[in-house]
Every structure is written in C-alpha cells, then in structure tokens.
Amino acid sequence: MTAPKTLFQKVWERHEVVPETADTPAVLFIDLHLIHEVTTPQAFSVLRERGLPVRRTDLTLGTMDHSTPTRTEQVFGGQPIAIESAAKQVKQLEINCAEFGVELLNMASNLRGIVHVIGPELGATQPGKTIVCGDSHTSTHGAFGALAFGIGTTEVGHVLATQCLLQTRAKTLAITVNGKLRPGVTAKDLVLAIIGKIGVGGGTGHVIEFRGEAIRALSMDERMTVCNMSIEAGARAGMVAPDETTFEYLKDRPRSPKGADWDKAVADWKTLVGDEGAVFDREVVIDASTIEPMITWGTHPGMVAAVGGNVPASSNDPVFGKALEYMGFAAGQKLAGSPINVVFIGSCTNSRLTDLRAAASVLKGRKVAAGVQMLVVPGSQQIKKQAEAEGLDQIFRDAGAEWRESGCSMCLGMNGDTVGKGQYSVSTSNRNFEGRQGVGARTLLASPLTAAASAVRGAITDPRDLL
C-alpha cells in the first residue's frame, strides 16, 4: 500500500524522467515553458552557438512584458520605444522566436500581456502541469494546482534545448487558513500577513500548499495573488489544489481541453488533491478573521503591518535600521496618514479584472488627491478591453489617474515607468526592495483597495474608511 501523498508529491512524481539520487538531482519533464524578452537572449544565443533547435516549440510560448512601454503612442502610435535597451530586447525576442519557430505574442498582439497573466487567461495554465519561466513569480500558476517556479537564464536554455530541467525535491509546507476574511480585507492582505508571520525566509527550501476554508473561498484571481507572492516568503513555489472554482475558470478558455478531452481532463484534475493523512514537513495555521488591511513599511515584504498600525518600535531583522533610514520612517511611527506621492495599480500580482474593479469601486465619484500621480496598468490587452467595456477606464480617467497599455510597468521600473527618488509609492506589486521602482524610490506594498483609498486621501489610508 502506497503512503498518502501531498499535491506537490503527486505532480512531482508524474514528471520525473529520472528520479533524484543522493548524488544527482532529478530530471523533470516540463509541460509549459513561458518566455519573455528579458531572460531569453543569452539562452537563445547558446542554442545558436551549439546548433540546437528548441526541443518542443509546441510547449513554448513567448510574450513581451518587462521592458515594454505602457504609453499607447509607443505601442500602437508609431513612436519608437523610448528606452534603447528595452527596444533591443523586444527586437531580439522577435528575431529569436521567428528563427526558432516559437509562438510569440508580439507588441501588436491583442493577446499580449504579463507572462503570468496570459498563461491562465488563455487556459495554457492547467492543473497538474509543470510550468517554468525565467521569472521568479512563475509561482503564480500554482494557484491552479500546477507545480510552477522561476528559473535562471542558463536553465531557460536547458529547457529550450531538452524540455527537461534538473531539480532537487523541495520540502513541503502547509499553510492552512481557517475562518473567513472580513469585508475590506483581500487576498493581498492575506498573503502579506502570511509573509509577515513566517518571514521572508520562512518558506526557504519548501513548496507551500495553501489550504483551508479561507483559501477555498478565494476566486482564481485571488488565489493567483497568494501564490504569486509565495516566492516572497522564500518558497520555491506555492500551490492550491484544484476544485470547482478552478474548473469553472478554465472551461472554454482558448487553450483549455474541449469536448470529451475536457471531461477526461477534469476527471484527472479531481485526483490532484492531497491524500488524507499526507504528511507535510511543516504546517502553519492562520485565523483569517484576525487579518486587517496590510501595508509594508520597510525594504522587503516581511516588513509589514496593519494599515492602522505602526512601524515596529524595534525588530530582530538585521536590516531594520537601514530600512527605516531608506524609507524615511521612524520606529513606532503611525502608518495611516503618512503622505504619499505615487499610486500604482498593476503587476502580475494585482492587475487582473477583479483588481481593477476593486480599485474603481473606491475611485468612482472621487478624485485622486492633488499632487499624487496614479498609474493603472492592466495585466493584459484582453483585460484592458474588458475593463474598457465595463467603463472602468473612464472611472480611472475621471478620477485623474493615467490608464495605460498592459505590461509590468512600474512594478520594476525598467520600462520608463518609475518612481522618483525619495517619493513614496503605494504599489499593488510584489517587491519593495531598495530601488525596485526607481533609484531611491520608497515602495509600500498594498492591495488595490488600499492603494486606491490612499490615492484619494493622498496618504496611507485604510480602505474601509471609504467603502
């Protein structure tokens, strides 16, 4: 009789080409390889130098997102991409995909978008798959019960050449979230609270499986937000077992199975739940009802507090003092009411239609505070069209926000969208490291509700004050 298995163990064992030994990592087959313009040039150069083809072009999909401008005139208006390095990366991916026969959603494609948004949107992301990309937030796809993780440029080349990857098996960490989130508290607040509890190294060496009543109650968009930021807790990946919410999301997507193949796929996906009695290496239990709207105050995602709370008076974190100096905060300072300069709604964490709807619900009939710049950047061109069909773009414009084309935008500031030195940015993205959004930029991570409320007040604001 076989021992009970976790979701991670089931997906891992399905994909072992060669099992791990004491001396060698396992060889894993990869079901979907997502690529973009930043981490692929060197990998394709290696293939070219060695005379190797892309092993499985049918399992490889390219998009453009990191370096792409979000200003319409540079995407569709005939103006060149303003940043030379970005223009070169975009052009090189076009050349590489054409030469090697890889499908590419190019700048003009109405399906283009952030790599971790378009995979699920197209139905290419599916339960039980192994999914990799040269981007750490590939963990997003784990929301579907996939084993998805970021890889380095050298590994990108390995997968292009072999459709396999060398990996050592991770440990398992169950994070069980019981109870229900209160009104005004979102999936972003939940995952920030989790990271605050276990720390940015709390998941190191592990794959996290998110479980419990509060996780089951989340939509697919919300589950993607949680899994997206599992990497910020140091985890290799984050996963949620598939269920009816997953199947409903995927049904009739362009690249989802159809007809009898759909029925067969769903029957298989239903087996991708942890067995009763499956043992995890660690488990953390959290009460969802205790979580408040959250915001970061420091220079990594674990430096987080309730919006209505204070910067800690002291911390065991060795970078505590340095973080306060960089952020211009004082130990014990109250967070709510602290002035801000920029608000960014977007990124692979919070740029989906439900995120935009949430922000619009706060902004409708209100104005962005004087002196505050607000950027709203949808995660894909499809989401942009859907938002415009619902009139969300007009709500943002009427409030005084800028409505842009899809892309990573201000999340990482390598595409022309940056925060000025010393400015405070309330951002729905995933990283608040020094200089992440621009040299000297001070990033405060928060939910779309909190970001929109802060835009209206011109200061850090609990969204429940405006809901």
Protein backbone atom coordinates (compact mmCIF):
# COMPACT_ATOMS: atom_id res chain seq x y z
CA MET A 1 0.00 0.00 0.00
CA THR A 2 1.43 3.37 -1.04
CA ALA A 3 1.82 6.14 1.53
CA PRO A 4 -0.58 9.13 1.32
CA LYS A 5 0.80 11.91 -0.90
CA THR A 6 0.59 15.68 -0.93
CA LEU A 7 -0.43 17.59 -4.04
CA PHE A 8 3.21 18.53 -4.62
CA GLN A 9 4.35 14.90 -4.43
CA LYS A 10 1.71 13.80 -6.91
CA VAL A 11 2.64 16.40 -9.53
CA TRP A 12 6.38 15.91 -8.97
CA GLU A 13 6.25 12.14 -9.38
CA ARG A 14 4.21 12.39 -12.59
CA HIS A 15 7.05 14.36 -14.17
CA GLU A 16 10.17 12.52 -13.03
CA VAL A 17 12.07 11.38 -16.11
CA VAL A 18 14.99 10.30 -13.94
CA PRO A 19 14.49 10.17 -10.14
CA GLU A 20 16.74 12.07 -7.77
CA THR A 21 19.63 10.19 -6.14
CA ALA A 22 21.97 11.03 -3.29
CA ASP A 23 24.43 12.39 -5.84
CA THR A 24 22.25 13.80 -8.63
CA PRO A 25 19.11 15.93 -8.94
CA ALA A 26 16.01 14.59 -10.62
CA VAL A 27 15.30 15.21 -14.29
CA LEU A 28 11.80 16.71 -14.58
CA PHE A 29 9.74 16.99 -17.76
CA ILE A 30 8.31 20.48 -18.30
CA ASP A 31 4.79 20.81 -19.69
CA LEU A 32 4.82 24.55 -20.40
CA HIS A 33 7.74 26.93 -20.86
CA LEU A 34 6.78 30.60 -20.82
CA ILE A 35 9.37 33.06 -22.10
CA HIS A 36 9.76 36.84 -22.30
CA GLU A 37 12.26 39.34 -23.61
CA VAL A 38 14.49 39.85 -20.55
CA THR A 39 15.77 36.38 -19.58
CA THR A 40 15.97 34.71 -23.01
CA PRO A 41 18.58 36.43 -25.22
CA GLN A 42 21.56 34.55 -23.77
CA ALA A 43 19.66 31.25 -23.78
CA PHE A 44 18.86 31.52 -27.48
CA SER A 45 22.45 32.52 -28.20
CA VAL A 46 23.64 29.27 -26.60
CA LEU A 47 21.25 27.25 -28.81
CA ARG A 48 22.53 29.11 -31.86
CA GLU A 49 26.17 28.51 -30.94
CA ARG A 50 25.59 24.79 -30.45
CA GLY A 51 23.36 24.31 -33.45
CA LEU A 52 20.44 23.14 -31.30
CA PRO A 53 16.74 23.62 -32.06
CA VAL A 54 14.03 24.37 -29.49
CA ARG A 55 13.06 20.84 -28.44
CA ARG A 56 9.30 21.42 -28.08
CA THR A 57 8.06 24.59 -29.74
CA ASP A 58 4.51 23.38 -29.07
CA LEU A 59 5.14 23.63 -25.33
CA THR A 60 6.84 27.04 -25.52
CA LEU A 61 5.01 30.37 -25.53
CA GLY A 62 6.54 33.84 -25.68
CA THR A 63 5.19 37.24 -24.70
CA MET A 64 6.58 40.71 -24.12
CA ASP A 65 6.03 42.41 -20.78
CA HIS A 66 9.01 43.54 -18.67
CA SER A 67 10.68 46.06 -20.98
CA THR A 68 7.60 47.07 -22.93
CA PRO A 69 6.39 50.65 -22.67
CA THR A 70 2.84 51.25 -21.46
CA ARG A 71 2.30 54.53 -23.30
CA THR A 72 -0.11 53.98 -26.20
CA GLU A 73 1.89 56.11 -28.59
CA GLN A 74 4.92 53.80 -28.20
CA VAL A 75 2.87 50.61 -28.50
CA PHE A 76 0.38 51.48 -31.24
CA GLY A 77 1.07 55.10 -32.21
CA GLY A 78 4.18 54.61 -34.30
CA GLN A 79 6.56 56.25 -31.84
CA PRO A 80 9.71 54.21 -31.15
CA ILE A 81 10.30 52.62 -27.76
CA ALA A 82 12.00 55.42 -25.85
CA ILE A 83 14.48 53.29 -23.89
CA GLU A 84 17.14 51.86 -26.20
CA SER A 85 17.92 48.77 -24.10
CA ALA A 86 14.21 47.89 -23.94
CA ALA A 87 13.81 48.32 -27.69
CA LYS A 88 16.76 45.98 -28.28
CA GLN A 89 15.31 43.29 -26.00
CA VAL A 90 11.92 43.46 -27.72
CA LYS A 91 13.51 43.25 -31.17
CA GLN A 92 15.79 40.37 -30.16
CA LEU A 93 12.89 38.26 -28.90
CA GLU A 94 11.11 38.80 -32.21
CA ILE A 95 14.23 37.63 -34.07
CA ASN A 96 14.77 34.62 -31.79
CA CYS A 97 11.17 33.39 -31.88
CA ALA A 98 10.99 33.75 -35.66
CA GLU A 99 14.28 31.90 -36.15
CA PHE A 100 13.45 29.03 -33.77
CA GLY A 101 9.76 28.71 -34.62
CA VAL A 102 8.43 29.72 -31.20
CA GLU A 103 4.97 31.26 -30.89
CA LEU A 104 5.21 34.90 -29.78
CA LEU A 105 2.53 37.30 -28.65
CA ASN A 106 4.24 40.38 -30.05
CA MET A 107 3.73 44.04 -29.27
CA ALA A 108 0.75 44.33 -31.62
CA SER A 109 -0.98 41.15 -30.42
CA ASN A 110 -4.35 41.60 -28.73
CA LEU A 111 -3.41 38.61 -26.52
CA ARG A 112 -0.13 40.09 -25.25
CA GLY A 113 0.31 40.77 -21.57
CA ILE A 114 2.28 39.96 -18.45
CA VAL A 115 3.55 36.40 -18.73
CA HIS A 116 1.82 35.24 -15.52
CA VAL A 117 -1.46 36.81 -16.57
CA ILE A 118 -1.72 35.50 -20.12
CA GLY A 119 -0.94 31.84 -19.25
CA PRO A 120 -4.07 31.43 -17.10
CA GLU A 121 -6.11 33.79 -19.28
CA LEU A 122 -5.51 31.61 -22.36
CA GLY A 123 -6.07 28.35 -20.49
CA ALA A 124 -2.50 27.25 -21.13
CA THR A 125 -2.01 27.05 -17.35
CA GLN A 126 -3.70 23.87 -16.12
CA PRO A 127 -3.78 21.67 -13.00
CA GLY A 128 -1.01 19.11 -12.70
CA LYS A 129 1.33 20.78 -15.17
CA THR A 130 4.95 21.65 -14.57
CA ILE A 131 5.43 25.26 -15.65
CA VAL A 132 8.64 27.27 -15.75
CA CYS A 133 9.68 30.75 -16.82
CA GLY A 134 12.74 32.92 -16.39
CA ASP A 135 10.89 34.94 -13.78
CA SER A 136 10.55 34.26 -10.07
CA HIS A 137 6.81 34.97 -9.94
CA THR A 138 6.05 31.92 -12.06
CA SER A 139 4.75 30.64 -8.71
CA THR A 140 1.51 32.44 -9.71
CA HIS A 141 0.43 29.44 -11.82
CA GLY A 142 0.46 27.21 -8.74
CA ALA A 143 -2.99 28.62 -7.97
CA PHE A 144 -4.29 26.05 -10.47
CA GLY A 145 -2.60 23.07 -8.84
CA ALA A 146 0.39 23.31 -11.16
CA LEU A 147 3.99 23.00 -10.00
CA ALA A 148 5.33 26.30 -11.27
CA PHE A 149 8.60 28.03 -10.48
CA GLY A 150 11.06 30.55 -11.80
CA ILE A 151 14.36 29.51 -13.37
CA GLY A 152 17.61 31.26 -14.32
CA THR A 153 18.80 32.15 -17.80
CA THR A 154 21.05 29.06 -18.04
CA GLU A 155 18.09 26.87 -17.07
CA VAL A 156 15.95 28.63 -19.68
CA GLY A 157 18.47 27.40 -22.23
CA HIS A 158 18.31 23.85 -20.82
CA VAL A 159 14.53 23.74 -21.11
CA LEU A 160 14.56 25.20 -24.62
CA ALA A 161 17.02 22.50 -25.68
CA THR A 162 15.65 19.48 -23.80
CA GLN A 163 12.16 20.29 -22.41
CA CYS A 164 13.55 18.98 -19.12
CA LEU A 165 15.09 20.52 -16.03
CA LEU A 166 17.41 19.33 -13.26
CA GLN A 167 15.77 19.81 -9.86
CA THR A 168 16.15 18.60 -6.28
CA ARG A 169 12.92 17.78 -4.49
CA ALA A 170 11.72 20.52 -2.15
CA LYS A 171 10.30 20.06 1.32
CA THR A 172 6.60 20.71 1.90
CA LEU A 173 4.95 23.44 3.96
CA ALA A 174 1.19 23.51 4.55
CA ILE A 175 -0.28 26.92 5.29
CA THR A 176 -3.84 26.39 6.48
CA VAL A 177 -6.02 29.49 6.67
CA ASN A 178 -9.17 28.87 8.71
CA GLY A 179 -12.23 31.08 9.01
CA LYS A 180 -13.24 33.95 6.72
CA LEU A 181 -11.68 37.22 5.66
CA ARG A 182 -13.59 40.26 6.86
CA PRO A 183 -15.05 42.88 4.47
CA GLY A 184 -12.35 45.15 3.04
CA VAL A 185 -9.64 42.53 3.63
CA THR A 186 -8.31 40.98 0.44
CA ALA A 187 -6.09 38.16 -0.80
CA LYS A 188 -3.20 40.63 -0.95
CA ASP A 189 -3.66 41.44 2.72
CA LEU A 190 -3.80 37.72 3.48
CA VAL A 191 -0.52 36.90 1.76
CA LEU A 192 1.25 39.95 3.22
CA ALA A 193 0.08 38.83 6.66
CA ILE A 194 1.39 35.32 5.98
CA ILE A 195 4.79 36.67 4.94
CA GLY A 196 4.81 38.91 7.99
CA LYS A 197 4.16 35.89 10.18
CA ILE A 198 6.63 33.37 8.72
CA GLY A 199 9.22 35.84 7.40
CA VAL A 200 10.87 36.27 4.03
CA GLY A 201 12.89 33.11 4.71
CA GLY A 202 10.01 31.15 6.20
CA GLY A 203 9.40 29.11 3.08
CA THR A 204 13.02 28.57 2.04
CA GLY A 205 13.57 25.09 0.63
CA HIS A 206 9.83 24.36 0.60
CA VAL A 207 6.87 24.28 -1.72
CA ILE A 208 3.90 25.84 0.06
CA GLU A 209 0.43 24.35 -0.25
CA PHE A 210 -2.25 26.85 0.75
CA ARG A 211 -5.26 25.17 2.31
CA GLY A 212 -8.30 25.82 4.49
CA GLU A 213 -11.71 27.45 4.34
CA ALA A 214 -10.42 30.95 3.57
CA ILE A 215 -8.30 29.69 0.64
CA ARG A 216 -11.22 27.69 -0.80
CA ALA A 217 -13.39 30.83 -0.66
CA LEU A 218 -10.94 32.78 -2.86
CA SER A 219 -11.57 33.34 -6.57
CA MET A 220 -8.92 32.21 -9.05
CA ASP A 221 -7.67 35.79 -9.36
CA GLU A 222 -7.25 35.92 -5.58
CA ARG A 223 -5.54 32.53 -5.44
CA MET A 224 -3.10 33.75 -8.08
CA THR A 225 -2.28 36.77 -5.90
CA VAL A 226 -1.49 34.48 -2.95
CA CYS A 227 0.63 32.02 -4.95
CA ASN A 228 2.37 34.87 -6.78
CA MET A 229 3.82 36.14 -3.51
CA SER A 230 4.76 32.74 -2.05
CA ILE A 231 8.18 33.39 -3.58
CA GLU A 232 8.45 36.47 -1.31
CA ALA A 233 8.37 34.12 1.68
CA GLY A 234 11.42 32.35 0.20
CA ALA A 235 9.41 29.38 -1.09
CA ARG A 236 10.28 27.51 -4.27
CA ALA A 237 6.62 27.54 -5.31
CA GLY A 238 3.10 27.90 -3.96
CA MET A 239 0.16 25.64 -4.81
CA VAL A 240 -3.59 25.38 -4.29
CA ALA A 241 -5.35 22.09 -5.07
CA PRO A 242 -7.79 22.42 -7.98
CA ASP A 243 -11.54 22.40 -7.33
CA GLU A 244 -14.79 23.53 -8.97
CA THR A 245 -13.61 27.16 -8.85
CA THR A 246 -10.58 26.14 -10.91
CA PHE A 247 -12.59 24.15 -13.43
CA GLU A 248 -15.15 26.92 -13.89
CA TYR A 249 -12.36 29.43 -14.56
CA LEU A 250 -10.66 27.21 -17.17
CA LYS A 251 -13.75 25.99 -19.02
CA ASP A 252 -13.96 27.34 -22.57
CA ARG A 253 -10.63 29.16 -22.37
CA PRO A 254 -8.91 29.17 -25.80
CA ARG A 255 -6.26 26.58 -24.87
CA SER A 256 -8.24 24.52 -22.40
CA PRO A 257 -9.24 20.99 -23.47
CA LYS A 258 -12.54 20.75 -25.37
CA GLY A 259 -15.39 18.23 -25.55
CA ALA A 260 -14.51 14.73 -24.41
CA ASP A 261 -10.96 15.87 -23.70
CA TRP A 262 -12.34 18.39 -21.21
CA ASP A 263 -14.29 15.72 -19.34
CA LYS A 264 -11.24 13.47 -19.27
CA ALA A 265 -9.03 16.34 -18.04
CA VAL A 266 -11.42 17.32 -15.23
CA ALA A 267 -11.66 13.71 -14.07
CA ASP A 268 -7.87 13.64 -13.83
CA TRP A 269 -7.62 17.08 -12.19
CA LYS A 270 -10.01 15.96 -9.45
CA THR A 271 -7.36 13.45 -8.31
CA LEU A 272 -4.88 16.28 -7.71
CA VAL A 273 -5.69 16.82 -4.06
CA GLY A 274 -3.59 15.77 -1.12
CA ASP A 275 -4.47 12.34 0.24
CA GLU A 276 -5.96 12.10 3.70
CA GLY A 277 -3.10 11.51 6.10
CA ALA A 278 -0.46 13.02 3.79
CA VAL A 279 2.39 14.40 5.88
CA PHE A 280 3.97 17.82 5.40
CA ASP A 281 7.41 18.73 6.65
CA ARG A 282 5.90 21.78 8.36
CA GLU A 283 2.49 23.33 8.92
CA VAL A 284 1.39 26.86 9.84
CA VAL A 285 -2.19 27.65 10.84
CA ILE A 286 -3.68 31.15 10.49
CA ASP A 287 -7.06 32.57 11.51
CA ALA A 288 -8.35 34.65 8.59
CA SER A 289 -10.68 36.68 10.80
CA THR A 290 -7.72 38.29 12.59
CA ILE A 291 -6.24 39.81 9.42
CA GLU A 292 -6.50 43.55 8.72
CA PRO A 293 -5.72 45.53 5.56
CA MET A 294 -1.90 45.39 5.38
CA ILE A 295 0.89 47.59 4.05
CA THR A 296 4.67 47.27 4.03
CA TRP A 297 6.80 49.89 5.78
CA GLY A 298 10.32 48.62 5.02
CA THR A 299 12.50 47.23 2.28
CA HIS A 300 11.32 43.64 2.00
CA PRO A 301 7.77 42.16 2.01
CA GLY A 302 8.15 40.76 5.52
CA MET A 303 8.39 44.30 6.90
CA VAL A 304 4.63 44.67 7.01
CA ALA A 305 1.96 45.91 9.41
CA ALA A 306 -1.76 46.64 9.50
CA VAL A 307 -2.61 49.89 7.73
CA GLY A 308 -3.99 51.15 11.03
CA GLY A 309 -0.88 50.05 12.90
CA ASN A 310 2.61 51.40 13.47
CA VAL A 311 6.13 50.83 12.27
CA PRO A 312 7.61 48.43 14.87
CA ALA A 313 9.43 50.06 17.76
CA SER A 314 12.22 47.52 17.30
CA SER A 315 12.95 44.43 15.25
CA ASN A 316 15.21 41.40 15.20
CA ASP A 317 15.69 41.95 11.48
CA PRO A 318 19.34 42.99 10.95
CA VAL A 319 18.35 45.45 8.23
CA PHE A 320 15.71 47.17 10.40
CA GLY A 321 17.66 50.37 10.99
CA LYS A 322 18.86 50.57 7.41
CA ALA A 323 15.29 50.07 6.16
CA LEU A 324 13.96 52.89 8.32
CA GLU A 325 16.70 55.20 7.10
CA TYR A 326 15.97 54.37 3.45
CA MET A 327 12.20 54.70 3.89
CA GLY A 328 12.36 57.88 5.96
CA PHE A 329 10.20 56.35 8.69
CA ALA A 330 10.74 56.34 12.45
CA ALA A 331 10.40 53.39 14.80
CA GLY A 332 6.89 53.39 16.29
CA GLN A 333 5.52 55.81 13.69
CA LYS A 334 1.82 55.55 12.85
CA LEU A 335 1.36 54.46 9.24
CA ALA A 336 -2.14 55.75 8.42
CA GLY A 337 -1.99 59.38 7.40
CA SER A 338 1.60 59.26 6.17
CA PRO A 339 1.72 61.25 2.91
CA ILE A 340 2.36 59.54 -0.43
CA ASN A 341 3.33 60.69 -3.93
CA VAL A 342 2.53 57.85 -6.34
CA VAL A 343 -0.01 55.03 -6.60
CA PHE A 344 0.48 52.07 -8.92
CA ILE A 345 -2.27 49.57 -9.71
CA GLY A 346 -0.82 46.70 -11.75
CA SER A 347 1.82 43.92 -11.88
CA CYS A 348 1.46 40.13 -12.11
CA THR A 349 0.19 40.25 -8.52
CA ASN A 350 -2.79 42.59 -8.88
CA SER A 351 -3.54 43.63 -12.46
CA ARG A 352 -6.48 41.34 -13.24
CA LEU A 353 -10.02 42.49 -13.96
CA THR A 354 -11.22 41.93 -10.39
CA ASP A 355 -8.29 44.03 -9.10
CA LEU A 356 -9.24 46.87 -11.43
CA ARG A 357 -12.88 46.60 -10.39
CA ALA A 358 -11.84 46.82 -6.74
CA ALA A 359 -9.80 49.97 -7.32
CA ALA A 360 -12.59 51.50 -9.41
CA SER A 361 -15.12 50.83 -6.64
CA VAL A 362 -13.14 53.17 -4.39
CA LEU A 363 -12.37 55.79 -7.04
CA LYS A 364 -15.86 56.08 -8.55
CA GLY A 365 -17.14 59.60 -7.99
CA ARG A 366 -13.90 60.62 -6.27
CA LYS A 367 -10.67 62.33 -7.31
CA VAL A 368 -7.03 61.41 -6.88
CA ALA A 369 -5.54 63.83 -4.35
CA ALA A 370 -3.69 66.86 -5.67
CA GLY A 371 0.00 66.16 -6.23
CA VAL A 372 -0.44 62.37 -6.43
CA GLN A 373 0.36 60.53 -9.66
CA MET A 374 -1.70 57.37 -10.19
CA LEU A 375 -0.97 54.76 -12.88
CA VAL A 376 -3.44 51.97 -13.67
CA VAL A 377 -1.88 49.28 -15.86
CA PRO A 378 -3.93 46.20 -16.84
CA GLY A 379 -2.15 42.85 -16.88
CA SER A 380 -3.03 42.05 -20.49
CA GLN A 381 -4.58 43.58 -23.58
CA GLN A 382 -7.60 41.33 -23.06
CA ILE A 383 -8.10 42.67 -19.55
CA LYS A 384 -7.70 46.20 -20.91
CA LYS A 385 -10.51 45.60 -23.41
CA GLN A 386 -12.74 44.02 -20.77
CA ALA A 387 -12.15 46.91 -18.38
CA GLU A 388 -12.95 49.44 -21.09
CA ALA A 389 -16.13 47.54 -21.99
CA GLU A 390 -17.23 47.94 -18.35
CA GLY A 391 -16.30 51.63 -18.27
CA LEU A 392 -13.59 51.16 -15.65
CA ASP A 393 -11.10 53.15 -17.71
CA GLN A 394 -13.42 56.15 -17.62
CA ILE A 395 -13.75 55.91 -13.84
CA PHE A 396 -9.95 55.99 -13.56
CA ARG A 397 -9.60 58.88 -16.00
CA ASP A 398 -12.38 60.88 -14.38
CA ALA A 399 -10.61 60.44 -11.04
CA GLY A 400 -7.38 61.78 -12.51
CA ALA A 401 -5.47 58.50 -12.94
CA GLU A 402 -3.49 57.50 -16.03
CA TRP A 403 -4.84 54.49 -17.98
CA ARG A 404 -2.08 52.61 -19.80
CA GLU A 405 -1.39 49.66 -22.13
CA SER A 406 -0.57 46.32 -20.49
CA GLY A 407 2.85 45.42 -19.13
CA CYS A 408 4.93 45.06 -15.98
CA SER A 409 5.24 48.85 -15.86
CA MET A 410 6.13 50.47 -12.54
CA CYS A 411 6.49 47.13 -10.71
CA LEU A 412 10.17 47.04 -11.62
CA GLY A 413 10.75 50.35 -13.36
CA MET A 414 12.81 49.15 -16.34
CA ASN A 415 10.41 50.37 -19.00
CA GLY A 416 10.15 54.11 -18.43
CA ASP A 417 7.56 53.92 -15.64
CA THR A 418 9.46 54.85 -12.48
CA VAL A 419 9.03 56.49 -9.08
CA GLY A 420 11.21 59.49 -8.28
CA LYS A 421 13.97 59.46 -5.68
CA GLY A 422 12.58 59.86 -2.18
CA GLN A 423 8.96 59.55 -3.32
CA TYR A 424 6.52 57.22 -1.59
CA SER A 425 4.67 54.79 -3.88
CA VAL A 426 1.71 52.71 -2.71
CA SER A 427 2.01 49.80 -5.10
CA THR A 428 -0.01 46.65 -5.73
CA SER A 429 3.12 44.86 -6.92
CA ASN A 430 5.19 42.27 -5.07
CA ARG A 431 8.59 43.72 -4.17
CA ASN A 432 9.65 46.73 -2.14
CA PHE A 433 13.43 46.35 -2.26
CA GLU A 434 15.61 49.45 -2.37
CA GLY A 435 15.42 50.95 -5.85
CA ARG A 436 12.87 48.42 -7.11
CA GLN A 437 10.61 51.09 -8.66
CA GLY A 438 13.38 53.56 -9.41
CA VAL A 439 16.58 54.86 -7.83
CA GLY A 440 15.74 55.98 -4.30
CA ALA A 441 12.03 55.12 -4.67
CA ARG A 442 10.20 54.15 -1.48
CA THR A 443 7.70 51.37 -2.15
CA LEU A 444 4.74 50.46 0.08
CA LEU A 445 3.05 47.20 -0.97
CA ALA A 446 -0.71 47.05 -0.53
CA SER A 447 -3.96 45.79 -2.02
CA PRO A 448 -5.82 47.56 -4.86
CA LEU A 449 -8.41 48.76 -2.31
CA THR A 450 -5.75 50.27 -0.04
CA ALA A 451 -3.86 51.76 -2.98
CA ALA A 452 -6.98 53.42 -4.39
CA ALA A 453 -8.05 54.75 -0.98
CA SER A 454 -4.56 56.16 -0.43
CA ALA A 455 -4.69 57.84 -3.84
CA VAL A 456 -7.91 59.63 -2.86
CA ARG A 457 -6.61 60.81 0.51
CA GLY A 458 -3.03 61.46 -0.62
CA ALA A 459 -1.87 59.47 2.38
CA ILE A 460 -1.81 55.87 3.61
CA THR A 461 -5.47 55.04 4.20
CA ASP A 462 -7.49 52.09 5.48
CA PRO A 463 -9.81 51.32 2.54
CA ARG A 464 -12.65 50.53 4.91
CA ASP A 465 -12.84 54.27 5.62
CA LEU A 466 -14.07 54.80 2.04
CA LEU A 467 -16.03 51.61 1.34
